[in-house]
Amino acid sequence: MLRRWLFTKIAYRLFRGQADRYIKSNGKGSGLLARALRKAGKNELSLKGVWTRLQLLFELVKAWSTGRYRDIPYRSLLMIVIGIIYFVSPIDFIPDFLFGLGILDDAAVLGFIVSQMDPDLNRFQQWKKTQGHTS
C-alpha cells in the first residue's frame, strides 16, 4: 500500500514530464541509467529483495535506449523511467542524506515498479534468451 501511494502520489506526479523527455530524447537516458546503476550498487544490501529483477529492469531500459529491444508498452516504459528518476533524485519522501533511512522509500518505489512490470520483465528475459544474452 505504501509503495503504491509513494509512486502514485509522489513519483508519478513529480517526474512524469521529465520521464517523457528522457524517453523522447536520444542519449539522455544513458546518464540517468548510469546514475541509477551507481546508486543501486552502493545500496545493494538495502535492495536485496528486488536486486535480481532490478538488474533486469536496468538491462531492459538499456536495451530499449539503444534500440535493440522495443517490445514494451509506452506506459510501462514511462513507469519504469519515472521509478528510476525517483530513485536517483534527491527530491523524495525520505531524503537520501538520512543514512540508513533515505533508501527505504526508493526501495519501496522500485519494488512497486518491479512488481507491476513483471510481465514486461518476463517478456524481456525471454527475448534475451533468444538473442543469446543470459546476463
Protein backbone atom coordinates (compact mmCIF):
# COMPACT_ATOMS: atom_id res chain seq x y z
CA MET A 1 0.00 0.00 0.00
CA LEU A 2 2.80 2.44 0.92
CA ARG A 3 4.64 1.62 -2.31
CA ARG A 4 1.59 2.35 -4.43
CA TRP A 5 0.96 5.60 -2.55
CA LEU A 6 4.60 6.72 -2.91
CA PHE A 7 4.53 6.00 -6.60
CA THR A 8 1.13 7.43 -7.50
CA LYS A 9 1.14 10.45 -5.26
CA ILE A 10 4.76 11.49 -5.35
CA ALA A 11 6.85 9.93 -8.07
CA TYR A 12 4.30 9.92 -10.87
CA ARG A 13 3.20 13.49 -10.32
CA LEU A 14 6.68 14.89 -9.78
CA PHE A 15 8.53 13.12 -12.55
CA ARG A 16 6.14 12.28 -15.39
CA GLY A 17 7.14 15.25 -17.57
CA GLN A 18 10.82 14.58 -17.01
CA ALA A 19 10.33 10.89 -17.84
CA ASP A 20 8.55 11.80 -21.10
CA ARG A 21 11.52 13.97 -22.07
CA TYR A 22 14.02 11.21 -21.27
CA ILE A 23 12.07 8.71 -23.36
CA LYS A 24 11.71 11.06 -26.31
CA SER A 25 15.32 12.30 -26.35
CA ASN A 26 18.19 10.24 -27.64
CA GLY A 27 21.21 9.82 -25.41
CA LYS A 28 19.81 11.47 -22.28
CA GLY A 29 18.70 8.18 -20.77
CA SER A 30 22.19 6.72 -20.59
CA GLY A 31 23.29 9.25 -17.97
CA LEU A 32 20.18 8.57 -15.92
CA LEU A 33 20.76 4.84 -16.11
CA ALA A 34 24.43 5.23 -15.14
CA ARG A 35 23.43 7.20 -12.03
CA ALA A 36 20.84 4.57 -11.13
CA LEU A 37 23.36 1.76 -11.54
CA ARG A 38 25.88 3.56 -9.31
CA LYS A 39 23.30 4.25 -6.60
CA ALA A 40 21.94 0.69 -6.77
CA GLY A 41 25.46 -0.71 -6.46
CA LYS A 42 26.10 1.37 -3.35
CA ASN A 43 22.82 0.18 -1.82
CA GLU A 44 22.76 -3.46 -2.91
CA LEU A 45 22.06 -4.77 0.59
CA SER A 46 19.07 -2.46 1.04
CA LEU A 47 17.75 -3.54 -2.36
CA LYS A 48 18.33 -7.27 -1.87
CA GLY A 49 14.62 -8.09 -2.11
CA VAL A 50 14.39 -6.74 -5.65
CA TRP A 51 18.05 -6.86 -6.71
CA THR A 52 17.84 -9.50 -9.45
CA ARG A 53 14.68 -8.08 -11.02
CA LEU A 54 16.03 -4.55 -10.68
CA GLN A 55 19.14 -5.51 -12.65
CA LEU A 56 16.89 -6.99 -15.34
CA LEU A 57 14.84 -3.78 -15.37
CA PHE A 58 18.04 -1.74 -15.88
CA GLU A 59 19.06 -4.09 -18.72
CA LEU A 60 15.64 -3.60 -20.33
CA VAL A 61 16.00 0.19 -20.23
CA LYS A 62 19.50 -0.04 -21.70
CA ALA A 63 18.32 -2.35 -24.49
CA TRP A 64 15.38 -0.03 -25.20
CA SER A 65 17.55 3.09 -25.24
CA THR A 66 19.99 1.53 -27.71
CA GLY A 67 17.12 0.41 -29.94
CA ARG A 68 17.81 -3.30 -29.53
CA TYR A 69 14.53 -4.00 -27.70
CA ARG A 70 11.23 -2.22 -28.33
CA ASP A 71 8.61 -4.75 -27.25
CA ILE A 72 7.38 -2.77 -24.27
CA PRO A 73 4.25 -0.63 -23.99
CA TYR A 74 4.93 3.10 -23.66
CA ARG A 75 3.05 3.24 -20.34
CA SER A 76 5.26 0.50 -18.90
CA LEU A 77 8.39 2.27 -20.09
CA LEU A 78 7.09 5.53 -18.64
CA MET A 79 6.50 3.90 -15.23
CA ILE A 80 9.99 2.38 -15.28
CA VAL A 81 11.67 5.69 -16.14
CA ILE A 82 9.64 7.55 -13.51
CA GLY A 83 10.77 4.99 -10.95
CA ILE A 84 14.40 5.37 -11.98
CA ILE A 85 14.19 9.17 -11.81
CA TYR A 86 12.64 8.93 -8.35
CA PHE A 87 15.40 6.54 -7.32
CA VAL A 88 18.23 8.88 -8.35
CA SER A 89 16.51 12.11 -7.37
CA PRO A 90 17.40 13.80 -4.09
CA ILE A 91 13.79 15.05 -4.01
CA ASP A 92 11.75 12.25 -2.49
CA PHE A 93 9.70 11.24 0.53
CA ILE A 94 12.68 10.35 2.77
CA PRO A 95 15.80 12.38 1.86
CA ASP A 96 18.75 10.25 0.79
CA PHE A 97 21.14 12.00 3.18
CA LEU A 98 19.43 10.28 6.13
CA PHE A 99 21.88 7.41 6.37
CA GLY A 100 20.14 4.06 6.55
CA LEU A 101 16.67 5.53 6.06
CA GLY A 102 16.97 7.50 2.84
CA ILE A 103 16.97 4.40 0.66
CA LEU A 104 13.75 2.97 2.17
CA ASP A 105 11.31 4.97 0.06
CA ASP A 106 13.46 4.44 -3.04
CA ALA A 107 13.44 0.68 -2.43
CA ALA A 108 9.66 0.77 -1.90
CA VAL A 109 9.07 2.58 -5.20
CA LEU A 110 11.45 0.27 -7.07
CA GLY A 111 9.77 -2.77 -5.51
CA PHE A 112 6.40 -1.48 -6.67
CA ILE A 113 7.70 -0.83 -10.19
CA VAL A 114 9.32 -4.26 -10.43
CA SER A 115 6.13 -5.97 -9.23
CA GLN A 116 3.99 -4.05 -11.73
CA MET A 117 6.39 -4.67 -14.61
CA ASP A 118 6.77 -8.39 -14.03
CA PRO A 119 5.08 -9.45 -17.30
CA ASP A 120 7.22 -6.96 -19.25
CA LEU A 121 10.36 -8.16 -17.46
CA ASN A 122 9.48 -11.80 -18.21
CA ARG A 123 8.95 -10.96 -21.89
CA PHE A 124 12.30 -9.14 -21.97
CA GLN A 125 14.03 -12.07 -20.27
CA GLN A 126 12.64 -14.44 -22.91
CA TRP A 127 13.80 -12.08 -25.65
CA LYS A 128 17.29 -12.02 -24.13
CA LYS A 129 17.41 -15.81 -24.27
CA THR A 130 16.58 -15.76 -27.97
CA GLN A 131 19.36 -13.22 -28.51
CA GLY A 132 21.94 -15.33 -26.70
CA HIS A 133 22.16 -12.88 -23.76
CA THR A 134 21.91 -14.62 -20.41
CA SER A 135 23.25 -11.93 -18.09
